[in-house]
């Protein structure tokens, strides 16, 4: 059963149904949640992870073998992708 009331719940941005006794169809949208705060927090976290990964990569490059460099580069690429995804979602939410 869906839950709305918890400490991590998003704010209700829009209610798409009128109050009263109604019959809902399966899959029907009844409300739109505002997840901007979560998206912004995820973006900030991803950006912080990128900075940490870049710092680790710089340390390794200072005296590392090729194999030791590839793993941090892959981690940076993954985190940057997550960061762009969070930024895209946030921009989309801010347009709502």
PDB file of N, CA and C in Angstrom:
ATOM      1  N   UNK A   1       0.847  -1.189   0.000  1.00  0.00           N
ATOM      2  CA  UNK A   1       0.000   0.000   0.000  1.00  0.00           C
ATOM      3  C   UNK A   1       0.887   1.245   0.000  1.00  0.00           C
ATOM      4  N   UNK A   2       0.633   2.224  -0.853  1.00  0.00           N
ATOM      5  CA  UNK A   2       1.467   3.439  -0.941  1.00  0.00           C
ATOM      6  C   UNK A   2       1.405   4.247   0.347  1.00  0.00           C
ATOM      7  N   UNK A   3       2.525   4.871   0.689  1.00  0.00           N
ATOM      8  CA  UNK A   3       2.597   5.721   1.865  1.00  0.00           C
ATOM      9  C   UNK A   3       3.037   7.110   1.456  1.00  0.00           C
ATOM     10  N   UNK A   4       2.427   8.106   2.074  1.00  0.00           N
ATOM     11  CA  UNK A   4       2.848   9.480   1.824  1.00  0.00           C
ATOM     12  C   UNK A   4       3.500  10.087   3.054  1.00  0.00           C
ATOM     13  N   UNK A   5       3.062   9.684   4.237  1.00  0.00           N
ATOM     14  CA  UNK A   5       3.526  10.332   5.451  1.00  0.00           C
ATOM     15  C   UNK A   5       4.718   9.599   6.037  1.00  0.00           C
ATOM     16  N   UNK A   6       5.903  10.079   5.759  1.00  0.00           N
ATOM     17  CA  UNK A   6       7.110   9.634   6.438  1.00  0.00           C
ATOM     18  C   UNK A   6       8.106  10.777   6.407  1.00  0.00           C
ATOM     19  N   UNK A   7       9.208  10.608   7.077  1.00  0.00           N
ATOM     20  CA  UNK A   7      10.175  11.697   7.188  1.00  0.00           C
ATOM     21  C   UNK A   7      10.794  12.091   5.854  1.00  0.00           C
ATOM     22  N   UNK A   8      10.811  11.177   4.887  1.00  0.00           N
ATOM     23  CA  UNK A   8      11.428  11.460   3.601  1.00  0.00           C
ATOM     24  C   UNK A   8      10.404  11.754   2.507  1.00  0.00           C
ATOM     25  N   UNK A   9       9.174  11.943   2.877  1.00  0.00           N
ATOM     26  CA  UNK A   9       8.125  12.142   1.882  1.00  0.00           C
ATOM     27  C   UNK A   9       8.297  13.477   1.161  1.00  0.00           C
ATOM     28  N   UNK A  10       7.923  13.493  -0.088  1.00  0.00           N
ATOM     29  CA  UNK A  10       7.922  14.724  -0.867  1.00  0.00           C
ATOM     30  C   UNK A  10       6.649  15.486  -0.576  1.00  0.00           C
ATOM     31  N   UNK A  11       6.672  16.778  -0.854  1.00  0.00           N
ATOM     32  CA  UNK A  11       5.473  17.598  -0.697  1.00  0.00           C
ATOM     33  C   UNK A  11       4.533  17.334  -1.861  1.00  0.00           C
ATOM     34  N   UNK A  12       3.246  17.393  -1.591  1.00  0.00           N
ATOM     35  CA  UNK A  12       2.271  17.250  -2.670  1.00  0.00           C
ATOM     36  C   UNK A  12       2.228  18.576  -3.417  1.00  0.00           C
ATOM     37  N   UNK A  13       2.517  18.519  -4.718  1.00  0.00           N
ATOM     38  CA  UNK A  13       2.578  19.712  -5.535  1.00  0.00           C
ATOM     39  C   UNK A  13       1.240  20.003  -6.207  1.00  0.00           C
ATOM     40  N   UNK A  14       0.537  18.941  -6.597  1.00  0.00           N
ATOM     41  CA  UNK A  14      -0.704  19.115  -7.346  1.00  0.00           C
ATOM     42  C   UNK A  14      -1.602  17.922  -7.086  1.00  0.00           C
ATOM     43  N   UNK A  15      -2.860  18.186  -6.805  1.00  0.00           N
ATOM     44  CA  UNK A  15      -3.835  17.113  -6.648  1.00  0.00           C
ATOM     45  C   UNK A  15      -4.669  17.108  -7.923  1.00  0.00           C
ATOM     46  N   UNK A  16      -4.722  15.946  -8.567  1.00  0.00           N
ATOM     47  CA  UNK A  16      -5.356  15.864  -9.875  1.00  0.00           C
ATOM     48  C   UNK A  16      -6.791  15.357  -9.817  1.00  0.00           C
ATOM     49  N   UNK A  17      -7.326  15.191  -8.616  1.00  0.00           N
ATOM     50  CA  UNK A  17      -8.709  14.717  -8.497  1.00  0.00           C
ATOM     51  C   UNK A  17      -9.471  15.656  -7.587  1.00  0.00           C
ATOM     52  N   UNK A  18     -10.761  15.688  -7.745  1.00  0.00           N
ATOM     53  CA  UNK A  18     -11.607  16.507  -6.884  1.00  0.00           C
ATOM     54  C   UNK A  18     -11.904  15.723  -5.610  1.00  0.00           C
ATOM     55  N   UNK A  19     -12.115  16.444  -4.517  1.00  0.00           N
ATOM     56  CA  UNK A  19     -12.457  15.786  -3.260  1.00  0.00           C
ATOM     57  C   UNK A  19     -13.861  15.230  -3.334  1.00  0.00           C
ATOM     58  N   UNK A  20     -14.083  14.168  -2.636  1.00  0.00           N
ATOM     59  CA  UNK A  20     -15.401  13.551  -2.626  1.00  0.00           C
ATOM     60  C   UNK A  20     -15.298  12.086  -2.968  1.00  0.00           C
ATOM     61  N   UNK A  21     -16.436  11.473  -3.077  1.00  0.00           N
ATOM     62  CA  UNK A  21     -16.465  10.054  -3.389  1.00  0.00           C
ATOM     63  C   UNK A  21     -16.301   9.887  -4.898  1.00  0.00           C
ATOM     64  N   UNK A  22     -15.243   9.228  -5.281  1.00  0.00           N
ATOM     65  CA  UNK A  22     -14.965   9.002  -6.701  1.00  0.00           C
ATOM     66  C   UNK A  22     -14.463   7.577  -6.884  1.00  0.00           C
ATOM     67  N   UNK A  23     -14.513   7.119  -8.081  1.00  0.00           N
ATOM     68  CA  UNK A  23     -13.929   5.818  -8.393  1.00  0.00           C
ATOM     69  C   UNK A  23     -12.676   6.066  -9.215  1.00  0.00           C
ATOM     70  N   UNK A  24     -11.595   5.471  -8.765  1.00  0.00           N
ATOM     71  CA  UNK A  24     -10.332   5.622  -9.464  1.00  0.00           C
ATOM     72  C   UNK A  24     -10.089   4.411 -10.343  1.00  0.00           C
ATOM     73  N   UNK A  25      -9.463   4.662 -11.466  1.00  0.00           N
ATOM     74  CA  UNK A  25      -9.056   3.580 -12.352  1.00  0.00           C
ATOM     75  C   UNK A  25      -7.619   3.210 -12.033  1.00  0.00           C
ATOM     76  N   UNK A  26      -7.259   1.958 -12.251  1.00  0.00           N
ATOM     77  CA  UNK A  26      -5.907   1.492 -11.999  1.00  0.00           C
ATOM     78  C   UNK A  26      -4.922   2.316 -12.829  1.00  0.00           C
ATOM     79  N   UNK A  27      -3.876   2.816 -12.175  1.00  0.00           N
ATOM     80  CA  UNK A  27      -2.846   3.592 -12.853  1.00  0.00           C
ATOM     81  C   UNK A  27      -3.165   5.067 -12.996  1.00  0.00           C
ATOM     82  N   UNK A  28      -4.312   5.494 -12.533  1.00  0.00           N
ATOM     83  CA  UNK A  28      -4.713   6.897 -12.669  1.00  0.00           C
ATOM     84  C   UNK A  28      -3.888   7.777 -11.726  1.00  0.00           C
ATOM     85  N   UNK A  29      -3.423   8.923 -12.224  1.00  0.00           N
ATOM     86  CA  UNK A  29      -2.639   9.857 -11.418  1.00  0.00           C
ATOM     87  C   UNK A  29      -3.595  10.619 -10.515  1.00  0.00           C
ATOM     88  N   UNK A  30      -3.311  10.566  -9.208  1.00  0.00           N
ATOM     89  CA  UNK A  30      -4.165  11.301  -8.280  1.00  0.00           C
ATOM     90  C   UNK A  30      -3.459  12.504  -7.669  1.00  0.00           C
ATOM     91  N   UNK A  31      -2.128  12.502  -7.740  1.00  0.00           N
ATOM     92  CA  UNK A  31      -1.365  13.626  -7.193  1.00  0.00           C
ATOM     93  C   UNK A  31       0.020  13.652  -7.816  1.00  0.00           C
ATOM     94  N   UNK A  32       0.618  14.831  -7.827  1.00  0.00           N
ATOM     95  CA  UNK A  32       1.988  15.003  -8.313  1.00  0.00           C
ATOM     96  C   UNK A  32       2.820  15.456  -7.120  1.00  0.00           C
ATOM     97  N   UNK A  33       3.931  14.758  -6.885  1.00  0.00           N
ATOM     98  CA  UNK A  33       4.790  15.089  -5.758  1.00  0.00           C
ATOM     99  C   UNK A  33       5.944  15.990  -6.202  1.00  0.00           C
ATOM    100  N   UNK A  34       6.336  16.884  -5.335  1.00  0.00           N
ATOM    101  CA  UNK A  34       7.465  17.779  -5.588  1.00  0.00           C
ATOM    102  C   UNK A  34       8.717  17.146  -4.992  1.00  0.00           C
ATOM    103  N   UNK A  35       9.602  16.659  -5.838  1.00  0.00           N
ATOM    104  CA  UNK A  35      10.815  16.001  -5.345  1.00  0.00           C
ATOM    105  C   UNK A  35      12.066  16.845  -5.600  1.00  0.00           C
ATOM    106  N   UNK A  36      11.884  18.147  -5.733  1.00  0.00           N
ATOM    107  CA  UNK A  36      13.025  19.024  -5.992  1.00  0.00           C
ATOM    108  C   UNK A  36      14.080  18.962  -4.888  1.00  0.00           C
ATOM    109  N   UNK A  37      13.631  18.928  -3.635  1.00  0.00           N
ATOM    110  CA  UNK A  37      14.590  18.895  -2.520  1.00  0.00           C
ATOM    111  C   UNK A  37      15.453  17.641  -2.592  1.00  0.00           C
ATOM    112  N   UNK A  38      14.829  16.498  -2.860  1.00  0.00           N
ATOM    113  CA  UNK A  38      15.582  15.245  -2.966  1.00  0.00           C
ATOM    114  C   UNK A  38      16.529  15.287  -4.160  1.00  0.00           C
ATOM    115  N   UNK A  39      16.043  15.810  -5.271  1.00  0.00           N
ATOM    116  CA  UNK A  39      16.886  15.875  -6.468  1.00  0.00           C
ATOM    117  C   UNK A  39      18.074  16.793  -6.250  1.00  0.00           C
ATOM    118  N   UNK A  40      17.848  17.915  -5.599  1.00  0.00           N
ATOM    119  CA  UNK A  40      18.941  18.850  -5.309  1.00  0.00           C
ATOM    120  C   UNK A  40      19.955  18.211  -4.358  1.00  0.00           C
ATOM    121  N   UNK A  41      19.470  17.492  -3.351  1.00  0.00           N
ATOM    122  CA  UNK A  41      20.368  16.808  -2.419  1.00  0.00           C
ATOM    123  C   UNK A  41      21.181  15.738  -3.147  1.00  0.00           C
ATOM    124  N   UNK A  42      20.533  14.997  -4.044  1.00  0.00           N
ATOM    125  CA  UNK A  42      21.240  13.961  -4.810  1.00  0.00           C
ATOM    126  C   UNK A  42      22.283  14.586  -5.722  1.00  0.00           C
ATOM    127  N   UNK A  43      21.951  15.716  -6.330  1.00  0.00           N
ATOM    128  CA  UNK A  43      22.905  16.422  -7.188  1.00  0.00           C
ATOM    129  C   UNK A  43      24.114  16.887  -6.378  1.00  0.00           C
ATOM    130  N   UNK A  44      23.869  17.489  -5.224  1.00  0.00           N
ATOM    131  CA  UNK A  44      24.967  17.954  -4.375  1.00  0.00           C
ATOM    132  C   UNK A  44      25.854  16.792  -3.929  1.00  0.00           C
ATOM    133  N   UNK A  45      25.233  15.674  -3.582  1.00  0.00           N
ATOM    134  CA  UNK A  45      25.995  14.502  -3.170  1.00  0.00           C
ATOM    135  C   UNK A  45      26.850  13.979  -4.324  1.00  0.00           C
ATOM    136  N   UNK A  46      26.264  13.912  -5.516  1.00  0.00           N
ATOM    137  CA  UNK A  46      27.004  13.421  -6.682  1.00  0.00           C
ATOM    138  C   UNK A  46      28.172  14.342  -7.010  1.00  0.00           C
ATOM    139  N   UNK A  47      27.959  15.651  -6.907  1.00  0.00           N
ATOM    140  CA  UNK A  47      29.049  16.595  -7.175  1.00  0.00           C
ATOM    141  C   UNK A  47      30.173  16.446  -6.151  1.00  0.00           C
ATOM    142  N   UNK A  48      29.811  16.186  -4.900  1.00  0.00           N
ATOM    143  CA  UNK A  48      30.818  15.952  -3.873  1.00  0.00           C
ATOM    144  C   UNK A  48      31.611  14.680  -4.153  1.00  0.00           C
ATOM    145  N   UNK A  49      30.915  13.643  -4.625  1.00  0.00           N
ATOM    146  CA  UNK A  49      31.593  12.392  -4.960  1.00  0.00           C
ATOM    147  C   UNK A  49      32.548  12.579  -6.133  1.00  0.00           C
ATOM    148  N   UNK A  50      32.164  13.409  -7.082  1.00  0.00           N
ATOM    149  CA  UNK A  50      33.047  13.692  -8.221  1.00  0.00           C
ATOM    150  C   UNK A  50      34.336  14.344  -7.718  1.00  0.00           C
ATOM    151  N   UNK A  51      34.212  15.313  -6.824  1.00  0.00           N
ATOM    152  CA  UNK A  51      35.402  15.993  -6.290  1.00  0.00           C
ATOM    153  C   UNK A  51      36.317  15.023  -5.551  1.00  0.00           C
ATOM    154  N   UNK A  52      35.726  14.134  -4.766  1.00  0.00           N
ATOM    155  CA  UNK A  52      36.524  13.144  -4.032  1.00  0.00           C
ATOM    156  C   UNK A  52      37.225  12.200  -5.008  1.00  0.00           C
ATOM    157  N   UNK A  53      36.480  11.715  -5.995  1.00  0.00           N
ATOM    158  CA  UNK A  53      37.058  10.791  -6.976  1.00  0.00           C
ATOM    159  C   UNK A  53      38.166  11.462  -7.778  1.00  0.00           C
ATOM    160  N   UNK A  54      37.979  12.733  -8.128  1.00  0.00           N
ATOM    161  CA  UNK A  54      39.022  13.461  -8.868  1.00  0.00           C
ATOM    162  C   UNK A  54      40.273  13.641  -8.012  1.00  0.00           C
ATOM    163  N   UNK A  55      40.080  13.904  -6.723  1.00  0.00           N
ATOM    164  CA  UNK A  55      41.234  14.055  -5.828  1.00  0.00           C
ATOM    165  C   UNK A  55      41.979  12.728  -5.702  1.00  0.00           C
ATOM    166  N   UNK A  56      41.232  11.633  -5.578  1.00  0.00           N
ATOM    167  CA  UNK A  56      41.863  10.314  -5.501  1.00  0.00           C
ATOM    168  C   UNK A  56      42.616   9.989  -6.793  1.00  0.00           C
ATOM    169  N   UNK A  57      42.020  10.340  -7.921  1.00  0.00           N
ATOM    170  CA  UNK A  57      42.663  10.096  -9.205  1.00  0.00           C
ATOM    171  C   UNK A  57      43.959  10.896  -9.313  1.00  0.00           C
ATOM    172  N   UNK A  58      43.935  12.137  -8.870  1.00  0.00           N
ATOM    173  CA  UNK A  58      45.143  12.971  -8.923  1.00  0.00           C
ATOM    174  C   UNK A  58      46.258  12.365  -8.078  1.00  0.00           C
ATOM    175  N   UNK A  59      45.900  11.827  -6.909  1.00  0.00           N
ATOM    176  CA  UNK A  59      46.906  11.180  -6.050  1.00  0.00           C
ATOM    177  C   UNK A  59      47.505   9.962  -6.753  1.00  0.00           C
ATOM    178  N   UNK A  60      46.648   9.191  -7.367  1.00  0.00           N
ATOM    179  CA  UNK A  60      47.108   7.969  -8.032  1.00  0.00           C
ATOM    180  C   UNK A  60      47.971   8.305  -9.245  1.00  0.00           C
ATOM    181  N   UNK A  61      47.557   9.311 -10.016  1.00  0.00           N
ATOM    182  CA  UNK A  61      48.331   9.695 -11.202  1.00  0.00           C
ATOM    183  C   UNK A  61      49.728  10.167 -10.840  1.00  0.00           C
ATOM    184  N   UNK A  62      49.875  10.688  -9.646  1.00  0.00           N
ATOM    185  CA  UNK A  62      51.176  11.195  -9.214  1.00  0.00           C
ATOM    186  C   UNK A  62      52.218  10.085  -9.108  1.00  0.00           C
ATOM    187  N   UNK A  63      51.792   8.851  -9.006  1.00  0.00           N
ATOM    188  CA  UNK A  63      52.761   7.763  -8.920  1.00  0.00           C
ATOM    189  C   UNK A  63      52.089   6.413  -9.062  1.00  0.00           C
ATOM    190  N   UNK A  64      51.281   6.258 -10.092  1.00  0.00           N
ATOM    191  CA  UNK A  64      50.521   5.018 -10.233  1.00  0.00           C
ATOM    192  C   UNK A  64      50.780   4.338 -11.562  1.00  0.00           C
ATOM    193  N   UNK A  65      50.417   3.055 -11.593  1.00  0.00           N
ATOM    194  CA  UNK A  65      50.472   2.283 -12.828  1.00  0.00           C
ATOM    195  C   UNK A  65      49.162   2.460 -13.578  1.00  0.00           C
ATOM    196  N   UNK A  66      49.150   2.131 -14.864  1.00  0.00           N
ATOM    197  CA  UNK A  66      47.965   2.306 -15.703  1.00  0.00           C
ATOM    198  C   UNK A  66      46.738   1.629 -15.117  1.00  0.00           C
ATOM    199  N   UNK A  67      46.879   0.409 -14.637  1.00  0.00           N
ATOM    200  CA  UNK A  67      45.744  -0.328 -14.074  1.00  0.00           C
ATOM    201  C   UNK A  67      45.141   0.350 -12.866  1.00  0.00           C
ATOM    202  N   UNK A  68      45.968   1.028 -12.078  1.00  0.00           N
ATOM    203  CA  UNK A  68      45.480   1.721 -10.888  1.00  0.00           C
ATOM    204  C   UNK A  68      44.717   2.990 -11.244  1.00  0.00           C
ATOM    205  N   UNK A  69      44.925   3.507 -12.420  1.00  0.00           N
ATOM    206  CA  UNK A  69      44.259   4.731 -12.857  1.00  0.00           C
ATOM    207  C   UNK A  69      42.889   4.431 -13.445  1.00  0.00           C
ATOM    208  N   UNK A  70      42.726   3.303 -14.096  1.00  0.00           N
ATOM    209  CA  UNK A  70      41.484   2.995 -14.807  1.00  0.00           C
ATOM    210  C   UNK A  70      40.270   2.893 -13.883  1.00  0.00           C
ATOM    211  N   UNK A  71      40.417   2.285 -12.717  1.00  0.00           N
ATOM    212  CA  UNK A  71      39.274   2.144 -11.807  1.00  0.00           C
ATOM    213  C   UNK A  71      38.754   3.503 -11.333  1.00  0.00           C
ATOM    214  N   UNK A  72      39.612   4.411 -10.866  1.00  0.00           N
ATOM    215  CA  UNK A  72      39.102   5.726 -10.474  1.00  0.00           C
ATOM    216  C   UNK A  72      38.512   6.507 -11.651  1.00  0.00           C
ATOM    217  N   UNK A  73      39.087   6.350 -12.849  1.00  0.00           N
ATOM    218  CA  UNK A  73      38.517   7.038 -14.013  1.00  0.00           C
ATOM    219  C   UNK A  73      37.114   6.516 -14.300  1.00  0.00           C
ATOM    220  N   UNK A  74      36.917   5.221 -14.168  1.00  0.00           N
ATOM    221  CA  UNK A  74      35.592   4.638 -14.378  1.00  0.00           C
ATOM    222  C   UNK A  74      34.620   5.137 -13.310  1.00  0.00           C
ATOM    223  N   UNK A  75      35.090   5.239 -12.084  1.00  0.00           N
ATOM    224  CA  UNK A  75      34.240   5.744 -11.002  1.00  0.00           C
ATOM    225  C   UNK A  75      33.844   7.193 -11.259  1.00  0.00           C
ATOM    226  N   UNK A  76      34.783   7.999 -11.713  1.00  0.00           N
ATOM    227  CA  UNK A  76      34.482   9.402 -12.025  1.00  0.00           C
ATOM    228  C   UNK A  76      33.456   9.483 -13.146  1.00  0.00           C
ATOM    229  N   UNK A  77      33.627   8.686 -14.175  1.00  0.00           N
ATOM    230  CA  UNK A  77      32.676   8.700 -15.296  1.00  0.00           C
ATOM    231  C   UNK A  77      31.273   8.329 -14.823  1.00  0.00           C
ATOM    232  N   UNK A  78      31.185   7.300 -13.956  1.00  0.00           N
ATOM    233  CA  UNK A  78      29.878   6.874 -13.439  1.00  0.00           C
ATOM    234  C   UNK A  78      29.250   7.973 -12.593  1.00  0.00           C
ATOM    235  N   UNK A  79      30.022   8.565 -11.711  1.00  0.00           N
ATOM    236  CA  UNK A  79      29.497   9.601 -10.825  1.00  0.00           C
ATOM    237  C   UNK A  79      29.110  10.849 -11.619  1.00  0.00           C
ATOM    238  N   UNK A  80      29.903  11.215 -12.621  1.00  0.00           N
ATOM    239  CA  UNK A  80      29.553  12.370 -13.451  1.00  0.00           C
ATOM    240  C   UNK A  80      28.243  12.122 -14.194  1.00  0.00           C
ATOM    241  N   UNK A  81      28.029  10.895 -14.663  1.00  0.00           N
ATOM    242  CA  UNK A  81      26.770  10.549 -15.330  1.00  0.00           C
ATOM    243  C   UNK A  81      25.601  10.699 -14.360  1.00  0.00           C
ATOM    244  N   UNK A  82      25.774  10.202 -13.122  1.00  0.00           N
ATOM    245  CA  UNK A  82      24.730  10.348 -12.110  1.00  0.00           C
ATOM    246  C   UNK A  82      24.466  11.820 -11.817  1.00  0.00           C
ATOM    247  N   UNK A  83      25.528  12.604 -11.756  1.00  0.00           N
ATOM    248  CA  UNK A  83      25.401  14.028 -11.472  1.00  0.00           C
ATOM    249  C   UNK A  83      24.620  14.738 -12.575  1.00  0.00           C
ATOM    250  N   UNK A  84      24.948  14.411 -13.835  1.00  0.00           N
ATOM    251  CA  UNK A  84      24.211  15.015 -14.957  1.00  0.00           C
ATOM    252  C   UNK A  84      22.751  14.603 -14.908  1.00  0.00           C
ATOM    253  N   UNK A  85      22.477  13.351 -14.570  1.00  0.00           N
ATOM    254  CA  UNK A  85      21.107  12.857 -14.487  1.00  0.00           C
ATOM    255  C   UNK A  85      20.334  13.601 -13.407  1.00  0.00           C
ATOM    256  N   UNK A  86      20.959  13.794 -12.241  1.00  0.00           N
ATOM    257  CA  UNK A  86      20.317  14.539 -11.161  1.00  0.00           C
ATOM    258  C   UNK A  86      20.061  15.984 -11.581  1.00  0.00           C
ATOM    259  N   UNK A  87      21.042  16.583 -12.265  1.00  0.00           N
ATOM    260  CA  UNK A  87      20.872  17.957 -12.745  1.00  0.00           C
ATOM    261  C   UNK A  87      19.749  18.069 -13.744  1.00  0.00           C
ATOM    262  N   UNK A  88      19.631  17.090 -14.642  1.00  0.00           N
ATOM    263  CA  UNK A  88      18.561  17.090 -15.635  1.00  0.00           C
ATOM    264  C   UNK A  88      17.207  16.990 -14.949  1.00  0.00           C
ATOM    265  N   UNK A  89      17.100  16.081 -13.973  1.00  0.00           N
ATOM    266  CA  UNK A  89      15.821  15.915 -13.251  1.00  0.00           C
ATOM    267  C   UNK A  89      15.473  17.179 -12.503  1.00  0.00           C
ATOM    268  N   UNK A  90      16.458  17.797 -11.855  1.00  0.00           N
ATOM    269  CA  UNK A  90      16.209  19.025 -11.111  1.00  0.00           C
ATOM    270  C   UNK A  90      15.737  20.144 -12.030  1.00  0.00           C
ATOM    271  N   UNK A  91      16.401  20.312 -13.181  1.00  0.00           N
ATOM    272  CA  UNK A  91      15.982  21.346 -14.139  1.00  0.00           C
ATOM    273  C   UNK A  91      14.556  21.093 -14.604  1.00  0.00           C
ATOM    274  N   UNK A  92      14.233  19.829 -14.848  1.00  0.00           N
ATOM    275  CA  UNK A  92      12.892  19.479 -15.295  1.00  0.00           C
ATOM    276  C   UNK A  92      11.864  19.807 -14.215  1.00  0.00           C
ATOM    277  N   UNK A  93      12.199  19.505 -12.962  1.00  0.00           N
ATOM    278  CA  UNK A  93      11.285  19.794 -11.864  1.00  0.00           C
ATOM    279  C   UNK A  93      11.108  21.287 -11.643  1.00  0.00           C
ATOM    280  N   UNK A  94      12.171  22.050 -11.828  1.00  0.00           N
ATOM    281  CA  UNK A  94      12.075  23.494 -11.630  1.00  0.00           C
ATOM    282  C   UNK A  94      11.209  24.165 -12.683  1.00  0.00           C
ATOM    283  N   UNK A  95      11.009  23.515 -13.812  1.00  0.00           N
ATOM    284  CA  UNK A  95      10.159  24.067 -14.869  1.00  0.00           C
ATOM    285  C   UNK A  95       8.691  23.836 -14.580  1.00  0.00           C
ATOM    286  N   UNK A  96       8.376  22.910 -13.648  1.00  0.00           N
ATOM    287  CA  UNK A  96       6.977  22.566 -13.348  1.00  0.00           C
ATOM    288  C   UNK A  96       6.285  23.697 -12.681  1.00  0.00           C
TER     289      UNK A  96
END
